[in-house]
Amino acid sequence: MFYIAEAFLEGEGLSFSKHSAVISAFGREFARTGRVPVKFHQFLIRSQELRNAGDYGEMNAVMANQAADSIAQAEEFLELAQNLIGTLPPP
């Protein structure tokens, strides 16, 4: 989802080096303005929280159902990007 958000921002000529900046800018530029549903910004926020918990938290900090939900949200996010941005041509 992070890379999808970066793609949206790159389309606006915006680039950031920190995950938090990408998430914030995506919310500001796309969710808050109504260009995408707010839930996609919420997906980004939650996935970053899960990533941090998985990387830096206790063992088994992320449960299988949380990971499955995040994957489903990522697939929905990708579908949004394909509809709004388009797909990449094959190499």
PDB file of N, CA and C in Angstrom:
ATOM      1  N   MET A   1       0.824  -1.196   0.000  1.00  0.00           N
ATOM      2  CA  MET A   1       0.000   0.000   0.000  1.00  0.00           C
ATOM      3  C   MET A   1       0.864   1.255   0.000  1.00  0.00           C
ATOM      4  N   PHE A   2       1.987   1.170   0.685  1.00  0.00           N
ATOM      5  CA  PHE A   2       2.885   2.315   0.738  1.00  0.00           C
ATOM      6  C   PHE A   2       3.333   2.725  -0.670  1.00  0.00           C
ATOM      7  N   TYR A   3       3.700   1.748  -1.485  1.00  0.00           N
ATOM      8  CA  TYR A   3       4.170   2.060  -2.838  1.00  0.00           C
ATOM      9  C   TYR A   3       3.041   2.570  -3.720  1.00  0.00           C
ATOM     10  N   ILE A   4       1.840   2.114  -3.478  1.00  0.00           N
ATOM     11  CA  ILE A   4       0.688   2.633  -4.222  1.00  0.00           C
ATOM     12  C   ILE A   4       0.473   4.097  -3.856  1.00  0.00           C
ATOM     13  N   ALA A   5       0.542   4.401  -2.562  1.00  0.00           N
ATOM     14  CA  ALA A   5       0.395   5.794  -2.127  1.00  0.00           C
ATOM     15  C   ALA A   5       1.490   6.657  -2.736  1.00  0.00           C
ATOM     16  N   GLU A   6       2.715   6.122  -2.784  1.00  0.00           N
ATOM     17  CA  GLU A   6       3.807   6.865  -3.421  1.00  0.00           C
ATOM     18  C   GLU A   6       3.502   7.135  -4.886  1.00  0.00           C
ATOM     19  N   ALA A   7       2.912   6.171  -5.583  1.00  0.00           N
ATOM     20  CA  ALA A   7       2.579   6.355  -6.992  1.00  0.00           C
ATOM     21  C   ALA A   7       1.555   7.470  -7.163  1.00  0.00           C
ATOM     22  N   PHE A   8       0.546   7.501  -6.306  1.00  0.00           N
ATOM     23  CA  PHE A   8      -0.429   8.597  -6.357  1.00  0.00           C
ATOM     24  C   PHE A   8       0.276   9.938  -6.183  1.00  0.00           C
ATOM     25  N   LEU A   9       1.150  10.012  -5.193  1.00  0.00           N
ATOM     26  CA  LEU A   9       1.848  11.267  -4.898  1.00  0.00           C
ATOM     27  C   LEU A   9       2.814  11.657  -6.014  1.00  0.00           C
ATOM     28  N   GLU A  10       3.513  10.682  -6.576  1.00  0.00           N
ATOM     29  CA  GLU A  10       4.426  10.958  -7.700  1.00  0.00           C
ATOM     30  C   GLU A  10       3.664  11.574  -8.862  1.00  0.00           C
ATOM     31  N   GLY A  11       2.431  11.120  -9.059  1.00  0.00           N
ATOM     32  CA  GLY A  11       1.590  11.687 -10.116  1.00  0.00           C
ATOM     33  C   GLY A  11       1.303  13.158  -9.902  1.00  0.00           C
ATOM     34  N   GLU A  12       1.438  13.619  -8.685  1.00  0.00           N
ATOM     35  CA  GLU A  12       1.243  15.036  -8.348  1.00  0.00           C
ATOM     36  C   GLU A  12       2.572  15.777  -8.246  1.00  0.00           C
ATOM     37  N   GLY A  13       3.661  15.089  -8.576  1.00  0.00           N
ATOM     38  CA  GLY A  13       4.982  15.706  -8.468  1.00  0.00           C
ATOM     39  C   GLY A  13       5.500  15.776  -7.046  1.00  0.00           C
ATOM     40  N   LEU A  14       4.972  14.928  -6.159  1.00  0.00           N
ATOM     41  CA  LEU A  14       5.361  14.942  -4.756  1.00  0.00           C
ATOM     42  C   LEU A  14       6.146  13.688  -4.426  1.00  0.00           C
ATOM     43  N   SER A  15       7.204  13.847  -3.646  1.00  0.00           N
ATOM     44  CA  SER A  15       8.041  12.720  -3.254  1.00  0.00           C
ATOM     45  C   SER A  15       8.510  12.938  -1.819  1.00  0.00           C
ATOM     46  N   PHE A  16       8.502  11.856  -1.049  1.00  0.00           N
ATOM     47  CA  PHE A  16       8.885  11.929   0.354  1.00  0.00           C
ATOM     48  C   PHE A  16       9.778  10.755   0.695  1.00  0.00           C
ATOM     49  N   SER A  17      10.638  10.933   1.673  1.00  0.00           N
ATOM     50  CA  SER A  17      11.586   9.875   2.021  1.00  0.00           C
ATOM     51  C   SER A  17      11.157   9.054   3.236  1.00  0.00           C
ATOM     52  N   LYS A  18      10.174   9.503   3.979  1.00  0.00           N
ATOM     53  CA  LYS A  18       9.739   8.787   5.182  1.00  0.00           C
ATOM     54  C   LYS A  18       8.338   8.226   4.991  1.00  0.00           C
ATOM     55  N   HIS A  19       8.127   7.040   5.565  1.00  0.00           N
ATOM     56  CA  HIS A  19       6.806   6.429   5.499  1.00  0.00           C
ATOM     57  C   HIS A  19       5.746   7.373   6.071  1.00  0.00           C
ATOM     58  N   SER A  20       6.039   7.975   7.205  1.00  0.00           N
ATOM     59  CA  SER A  20       5.067   8.849   7.851  1.00  0.00           C
ATOM     60  C   SER A  20       4.703  10.037   6.970  1.00  0.00           C
ATOM     61  N   ALA A  21       5.671  10.561   6.236  1.00  0.00           N
ATOM     62  CA  ALA A  21       5.409  11.699   5.352  1.00  0.00           C
ATOM     63  C   ALA A  21       4.536  11.283   4.169  1.00  0.00           C
ATOM     64  N   VAL A  22       4.778  10.098   3.636  1.00  0.00           N
ATOM     65  CA  VAL A  22       3.960   9.586   2.530  1.00  0.00           C
ATOM     66  C   VAL A  22       2.518   9.396   3.004  1.00  0.00           C
ATOM     67  N   ILE A  23       2.354   8.787   4.162  1.00  0.00           N
ATOM     68  CA  ILE A  23       1.016   8.531   4.691  1.00  0.00           C
ATOM     69  C   ILE A  23       0.288   9.844   4.953  1.00  0.00           C
ATOM     70  N   SER A  24       0.965  10.787   5.549  1.00  0.00           N
ATOM     71  CA  SER A  24       0.372  12.094   5.831  1.00  0.00           C
ATOM     72  C   SER A  24      -0.003  12.826   4.541  1.00  0.00           C
ATOM     73  N   ALA A  25       0.902  12.853   3.593  1.00  0.00           N
ATOM     74  CA  ALA A  25       0.653  13.558   2.327  1.00  0.00           C
ATOM     75  C   ALA A  25      -0.484  12.898   1.549  1.00  0.00           C
ATOM     76  N   PHE A  26      -0.546  11.577   1.558  1.00  0.00           N
ATOM     77  CA  PHE A  26      -1.633  10.882   0.876  1.00  0.00           C
ATOM     78  C   PHE A  26      -2.967  11.298   1.490  1.00  0.00           C
ATOM     79  N   GLY A  27      -3.021  11.345   2.802  1.00  0.00           N
ATOM     80  CA  GLY A  27      -4.244  11.777   3.473  1.00  0.00           C
ATOM     81  C   GLY A  27      -4.622  13.200   3.109  1.00  0.00           C
ATOM     82  N   ARG A  28      -3.646  14.080   3.134  1.00  0.00           N
ATOM     83  CA  ARG A  28      -3.878  15.486   2.845  1.00  0.00           C
ATOM     84  C   ARG A  28      -4.296  15.715   1.394  1.00  0.00           C
ATOM     85  N   GLU A  29      -3.581  15.093   0.467  1.00  0.00           N
ATOM     86  CA  GLU A  29      -3.793  15.353  -0.963  1.00  0.00           C
ATOM     87  C   GLU A  29      -4.950  14.566  -1.575  1.00  0.00           C
ATOM     88  N   PHE A  30      -5.233  13.389  -1.031  1.00  0.00           N
ATOM     89  CA  PHE A  30      -6.214  12.532  -1.687  1.00  0.00           C
ATOM     90  C   PHE A  30      -7.439  12.220  -0.833  1.00  0.00           C
ATOM     91  N   ALA A  31      -7.254  11.838   0.430  1.00  0.00           N
ATOM     92  CA  ALA A  31      -8.403  11.474   1.262  1.00  0.00           C
ATOM     93  C   ALA A  31      -9.172  12.713   1.716  1.00  0.00           C
ATOM     94  N   ARG A  32      -8.460  13.680   2.253  1.00  0.00           N
ATOM     95  CA  ARG A  32      -9.122  14.882   2.784  1.00  0.00           C
ATOM     96  C   ARG A  32      -9.845  15.664   1.687  1.00  0.00           C
ATOM     97  N   THR A  33      -9.308  15.613   0.473  1.00  0.00           N
ATOM     98  CA  THR A  33      -9.920  16.349  -0.638  1.00  0.00           C
ATOM     99  C   THR A  33     -11.038  15.564  -1.316  1.00  0.00           C
ATOM    100  N   GLY A  34     -11.234  14.309  -0.906  1.00  0.00           N
ATOM    101  CA  GLY A  34     -12.293  13.499  -1.483  1.00  0.00           C
ATOM    102  C   GLY A  34     -11.930  12.839  -2.803  1.00  0.00           C
ATOM    103  N   ARG A  35     -10.672  12.920  -3.185  1.00  0.00           N
ATOM    104  CA  ARG A  35     -10.247  12.302  -4.443  1.00  0.00           C
ATOM    105  C   ARG A  35     -10.234  10.782  -4.346  1.00  0.00           C
ATOM    106  N   VAL A  36     -10.040  10.267  -3.141  1.00  0.00           N
ATOM    107  CA  VAL A  36     -10.193   8.840  -2.859  1.00  0.00           C
ATOM    108  C   VAL A  36     -10.971   8.721  -1.556  1.00  0.00           C
ATOM    109  N   PRO A  37     -11.674   7.623  -1.356  1.00  0.00           N
ATOM    110  CA  PRO A  37     -12.375   7.446  -0.083  1.00  0.00           C
ATOM    111  C   PRO A  37     -11.396   7.444   1.092  1.00  0.00           C
ATOM    112  N   VAL A  38     -11.826   8.010   2.198  1.00  0.00           N
ATOM    113  CA  VAL A  38     -11.005   8.143   3.401  1.00  0.00           C
ATOM    114  C   VAL A  38     -10.496   6.786   3.887  1.00  0.00           C
ATOM    115  N   LYS A  39     -11.245   5.737   3.618  1.00  0.00           N
ATOM    116  CA  LYS A  39     -10.845   4.422   4.124  1.00  0.00           C
ATOM    117  C   LYS A  39      -9.466   4.009   3.606  1.00  0.00           C
ATOM    118  N   PHE A  40      -9.048   4.502   2.449  1.00  0.00           N
ATOM    119  CA  PHE A  40      -7.738   4.121   1.938  1.00  0.00           C
ATOM    120  C   PHE A  40      -6.611   4.760   2.741  1.00  0.00           C
ATOM    121  N   HIS A  41      -6.833   5.945   3.232  1.00  0.00           N
ATOM    122  CA  HIS A  41      -5.863   6.558   4.136  1.00  0.00           C
ATOM    123  C   HIS A  41      -5.832   5.775   5.448  1.00  0.00           C
ATOM    124  N   GLN A  42      -6.986   5.362   5.923  1.00  0.00           N
ATOM    125  CA  GLN A  42      -7.053   4.554   7.139  1.00  0.00           C
ATOM    126  C   GLN A  42      -6.352   3.204   6.935  1.00  0.00           C
ATOM    127  N   PHE A  43      -6.506   2.617   5.754  1.00  0.00           N
ATOM    128  CA  PHE A  43      -5.797   1.371   5.447  1.00  0.00           C
ATOM    129  C   PHE A  43      -4.286   1.576   5.583  1.00  0.00           C
ATOM    130  N   LEU A  44      -3.800   2.688   5.038  1.00  0.00           N
ATOM    131  CA  LEU A  44      -2.363   2.987   5.112  1.00  0.00           C
ATOM    132  C   LEU A  44      -1.896   3.124   6.552  1.00  0.00           C
ATOM    133  N   ILE A  45      -2.634   3.862   7.326  1.00  0.00           N
ATOM    134  CA  ILE A  45      -2.269   4.082   8.726  1.00  0.00           C
ATOM    135  C   ILE A  45      -2.220   2.749   9.465  1.00  0.00           C
ATOM    136  N   ARG A  46      -3.244   1.939   9.294  1.00  0.00           N
ATOM    137  CA  ARG A  46      -3.313   0.655  10.007  1.00  0.00           C
ATOM    138  C   ARG A  46      -2.222  -0.291   9.537  1.00  0.00           C
ATOM    139  N   SER A  47      -1.950  -0.322   8.245  1.00  0.00           N
ATOM    140  CA  SER A  47      -0.907  -1.230   7.753  1.00  0.00           C
ATOM    141  C   SER A  47       0.467  -0.824   8.288  1.00  0.00           C
ATOM    142  N   GLN A  48       0.709   0.475   8.432  1.00  0.00           N
ATOM    143  CA  GLN A  48       1.977   0.931   9.009  1.00  0.00           C
ATOM    144  C   GLN A  48       2.072   0.529  10.477  1.00  0.00           C
ATOM    145  N   GLU A  49       0.958   0.623  11.194  1.00  0.00           N
ATOM    146  CA  GLU A  49       0.948   0.192  12.593  1.00  0.00           C
ATOM    147  C   GLU A  49       1.260  -1.304  12.694  1.00  0.00           C
ATOM    148  N   LEU A  50       0.650  -2.099  11.814  1.00  0.00           N
ATOM    149  CA  LEU A  50       0.910  -3.541  11.821  1.00  0.00           C
ATOM    150  C   LEU A  50       2.352  -3.841  11.438  1.00  0.00           C
ATOM    151  N   ARG A  51       2.871  -3.119  10.470  1.00  0.00           N
ATOM    152  CA  ARG A  51       4.268  -3.307  10.065  1.00  0.00           C
ATOM    153  C   ARG A  51       5.197  -3.033  11.245  1.00  0.00           C
ATOM    154  N   ASN A  52       4.957  -1.930  11.933  1.00  0.00           N
ATOM    155  CA  ASN A  52       5.794  -1.596  13.091  1.00  0.00           C
ATOM    156  C   ASN A  52       5.676  -2.652  14.184  1.00  0.00           C
ATOM    157  N   ALA A  53       4.461  -3.115  14.426  1.00  0.00           N
ATOM    158  CA  ALA A  53       4.267  -4.149  15.443  1.00  0.00           C
ATOM    159  C   ALA A  53       4.995  -5.428  15.039  1.00  0.00           C
ATOM    160  N   GLY A  54       4.906  -5.793  13.770  1.00  0.00           N
ATOM    161  CA  GLY A  54       5.565  -7.000  13.299  1.00  0.00           C
ATOM    162  C   GLY A  54       7.073  -6.901  13.330  1.00  0.00           C
ATOM    163  N   ASP A  55       7.590  -5.734  12.980  1.00  0.00           N
ATOM    164  CA  ASP A  55       9.037  -5.540  12.932  1.00  0.00           C
ATOM    165  C   ASP A  55       9.659  -5.314  14.306  1.00  0.00           C
ATOM    166  N   TYR A  56       8.951  -4.584  15.165  1.00  0.00           N
ATOM    167  CA  TYR A  56       9.570  -4.134  16.402  1.00  0.00           C
ATOM    168  C   TYR A  56       8.849  -4.585  17.669  1.00  0.00           C
ATOM    169  N   GLY A  57       7.703  -5.223  17.527  1.00  0.00           N
ATOM    170  CA  GLY A  57       6.915  -5.610  18.690  1.00  0.00           C
ATOM    171  C   GLY A  57       7.278  -6.982  19.205  1.00  0.00           C
ATOM    172  N   GLU A  58       6.462  -7.455  20.093  1.00  0.00           N
ATOM    173  CA  GLU A  58       6.628  -8.779  20.685  1.00  0.00           C
ATOM    174  C   GLU A  58       6.438  -9.856  19.620  1.00  0.00           C
ATOM    175  N   MET A  59       6.900 -11.046  19.922  1.00  0.00           N
ATOM    176  CA  MET A  59       6.671 -12.187  19.044  1.00  0.00           C
ATOM    177  C   MET A  59       5.166 -12.382  18.893  1.00  0.00           C
ATOM    178  N   ASN A  60       4.714 -12.657  17.727  1.00  0.00           N
ATOM    179  CA  ASN A  60       3.295 -12.859  17.416  1.00  0.00           C
ATOM    180  C   ASN A  60       2.455 -11.606  17.671  1.00  0.00           C
ATOM    181  N   ALA A  61       3.043 -10.428  17.477  1.00  0.00           N
ATOM    182  CA  ALA A  61       2.319  -9.170  17.685  1.00  0.00           C
ATOM    183  C   ALA A  61       1.234  -8.958  16.640  1.00  0.00           C
ATOM    184  N   VAL A  62       1.401  -9.568  15.481  1.00  0.00           N
ATOM    185  CA  VAL A  62       0.403  -9.466  14.416  1.00  0.00           C
ATOM    186  C   VAL A  62      -0.222 -10.840  14.239  1.00  0.00           C
ATOM    187  N   MET A  63      -1.522 -10.884  14.394  1.00  0.00           N
ATOM    188  CA  MET A  63      -2.245 -12.150  14.280  1.00  0.00           C
ATOM    189  C   MET A  63      -2.548 -12.441  12.809  1.00  0.00           C
ATOM    190  N   ALA A  64      -2.785 -13.700  12.511  1.00  0.00           N
ATOM    191  CA  ALA A  64      -3.046 -14.129  11.137  1.00  0.00           C
ATOM    192  C   ALA A  64      -4.251 -13.399  10.536  1.00  0.00           C
ATOM    193  N   ASN A  65      -5.299 -13.197  11.324  1.00  0.00           N
ATOM    194  CA  ASN A  65      -6.484 -12.516  10.798  1.00  0.00           C
ATOM    195  C   ASN A  65      -6.188 -11.046  10.488  1.00  0.00           C
ATOM    196  N   GLN A  66      -5.313 -10.421  11.268  1.00  0.00           N
ATOM    197  CA  GLN A  66      -4.923  -9.036  10.977  1.00  0.00           C
ATOM    198  C   GLN A  66      -4.141  -8.966   9.671  1.00  0.00           C
ATOM    199  N   ALA A  67      -3.245  -9.915   9.475  1.00  0.00           N
ATOM    200  CA  ALA A  67      -2.475  -9.963   8.239  1.00  0.00           C
ATOM    201  C   ALA A  67      -3.389 -10.213   7.048  1.00  0.00           C
ATOM    202  N   ALA A  68      -4.342 -11.110   7.202  1.00  0.00           N
ATOM    203  CA  ALA A  68      -5.284 -11.405   6.114  1.00  0.00           C
ATOM    204  C   ALA A  68      -6.119 -10.178   5.774  1.00  0.00           C
ATOM    205  N   ASP A  69      -6.575  -9.456   6.788  1.00  0.00           N
ATOM    206  CA  ASP A  69      -7.337  -8.228   6.554  1.00  0.00           C
ATOM    207  C   ASP A  69      -6.486  -7.200   5.808  1.00  0.00           C
ATOM    208  N   SER A  70      -5.233  -7.073   6.214  1.00  0.00           N
ATOM    209  CA  SER A  70      -4.333  -6.114   5.578  1.00  0.00           C
ATOM    210  C   SER A  70      -4.087  -6.483   4.113  1.00  0.00           C
ATOM    211  N   ILE A  71      -3.961  -7.758   3.826  1.00  0.00           N
ATOM    212  CA  ILE A  71      -3.771  -8.205   2.449  1.00  0.00           C
ATOM    213  C   ILE A  71      -5.010  -7.881   1.616  1.00  0.00           C
ATOM    214  N   ALA A  72      -6.183  -8.117   2.159  1.00  0.00           N
ATOM    215  CA  ALA A  72      -7.426  -7.796   1.449  1.00  0.00           C
ATOM    216  C   ALA A  72      -7.528  -6.293   1.183  1.00  0.00           C
ATOM    217  N   GLN A  73      -7.126  -5.494   2.155  1.00  0.00           N
ATOM    218  CA  GLN A  73      -7.146  -4.040   1.975  1.00  0.00           C
ATOM    219  C   GLN A  73      -6.145  -3.618   0.914  1.00  0.00           C
ATOM    220  N   ALA A  74      -4.983  -4.257   0.893  1.00  0.00           N
ATOM    221  CA  ALA A  74      -3.971  -3.943  -0.117  1.00  0.00           C
ATOM    222  C   ALA A  74      -4.489  -4.271  -1.514  1.00  0.00           C
ATOM    223  N   GLU A  75      -5.199  -5.382  -1.642  1.00  0.00           N
ATOM    224  CA  GLU A  75      -5.772  -5.737  -2.939  1.00  0.00           C
ATOM    225  C   GLU A  75      -6.808  -4.706  -3.375  1.00  0.00           C
ATOM    226  N   GLU A  76      -7.602  -4.223  -2.429  1.00  0.00           N
ATOM    227  CA  GLU A  76      -8.590  -3.183  -2.730  1.00  0.00           C
ATOM    228  C   GLU A  76      -7.900  -1.875  -3.123  1.00  0.00           C
ATOM    229  N   PHE A  77      -6.813  -1.568  -2.439  1.00  0.00           N
ATOM    230  CA  PHE A  77      -6.026  -0.365  -2.729  1.00  0.00           C
ATOM    231  C   PHE A  77      -5.431  -0.464  -4.140  1.00  0.00           C
ATOM    232  N   LEU A  78      -4.927  -1.633  -4.493  1.00  0.00           N
ATOM    233  CA  LEU A  78      -4.371  -1.839  -5.818  1.00  0.00           C
ATOM    234  C   LEU A  78      -5.443  -1.678  -6.890  1.00  0.00           C
ATOM    235  N   GLU A  79      -6.622  -2.194  -6.631  1.00  0.00           N
ATOM    236  CA  GLU A  79      -7.726  -2.044  -7.581  1.00  0.00           C
ATOM    237  C   GLU A  79      -8.074  -0.570  -7.770  1.00  0.00           C
ATOM    238  N   LEU A  80      -8.094   0.183  -6.678  1.00  0.00           N
ATOM    239  CA  LEU A  80      -8.339   1.624  -6.766  1.00  0.00           C
ATOM    240  C   LEU A  80      -7.295   2.288  -7.662  1.00  0.00           C
ATOM    241  N   ALA A  81      -6.031   1.959  -7.434  1.00  0.00           N
ATOM    242  CA  ALA A  81      -4.951   2.558  -8.219  1.00  0.00           C
ATOM    243  C   ALA A  81      -5.078   2.191  -9.700  1.00  0.00           C
ATOM    244  N   GLN A  82      -5.401   0.951  -9.970  1.00  0.00           N
ATOM    245  CA  GLN A  82      -5.550   0.539 -11.364  1.00  0.00           C
ATOM    246  C   GLN A  82      -6.688   1.294 -12.036  1.00  0.00           C
ATOM    247  N   ASN A  83      -7.746   1.568 -11.298  1.00  0.00           N
ATOM    248  CA  ASN A  83      -8.874   2.298 -11.862  1.00  0.00           C
ATOM    249  C   ASN A  83      -8.580   3.782 -12.034  1.00  0.00           C
ATOM    250  N   LEU A  84      -7.851   4.369 -11.100  1.00  0.00           N
ATOM    251  CA  LEU A  84      -7.624   5.814 -11.138  1.00  0.00           C
ATOM    252  C   LEU A  84      -6.328   6.199 -11.861  1.00  0.00           C
ATOM    253  N   ILE A  85      -5.304   5.367 -11.729  1.00  0.00           N
ATOM    254  CA  ILE A  85      -4.013   5.670 -12.336  1.00  0.00           C
ATOM    255  C   ILE A  85      -3.827   4.868 -13.617  1.00  0.00           C
ATOM    256  N   GLY A  86      -4.234   3.620 -13.593  1.00  0.00           N
ATOM    257  CA  GLY A  86      -4.051   2.725 -14.719  1.00  0.00           C
ATOM    258  C   GLY A  86      -3.051   1.650 -14.372  1.00  0.00           C
ATOM    259  N   THR A  87      -2.864   0.742 -15.293  1.00  0.00           N
ATOM    260  CA  THR A  87      -1.910  -0.334 -15.093  1.00  0.00           C
ATOM    261  C   THR A  87      -0.662  -0.050 -15.885  1.00  0.00           C
ATOM    262  N   LEU A  88       0.420  -0.647 -15.453  1.00  0.00           N
ATOM    263  CA  LEU A  88       1.680  -0.493 -16.175  1.00  0.00           C
ATOM    264  C   LEU A  88       1.666  -1.391 -17.399  1.00  0.00           C
ATOM    265  N   PRO A  89       2.241  -0.948 -18.487  1.00  0.00           N
ATOM    266  CA  PRO A  89       2.304  -1.824 -19.657  1.00  0.00           C
ATOM    267  C   PRO A  89       3.266  -2.978 -19.372  1.00  0.00           C
ATOM    268  N   PRO A  90       3.053  -4.123 -20.009  1.00  0.00           N
ATOM    269  CA  PRO A  90       3.985  -5.235 -19.797  1.00  0.00           C
ATOM    270  C   PRO A  90       5.380  -4.869 -20.291  1.00  0.00           C
ATOM    271  N   PRO A  91       6.413  -5.458 -19.654  1.00  0.00           N
ATOM    272  CA  PRO A  91       7.794  -5.125 -20.063  1.00  0.00           C
ATOM    273  C   PRO A  91       8.113  -5.598 -21.466  1.00  0.00           C
TER     274      PRO A  91
END
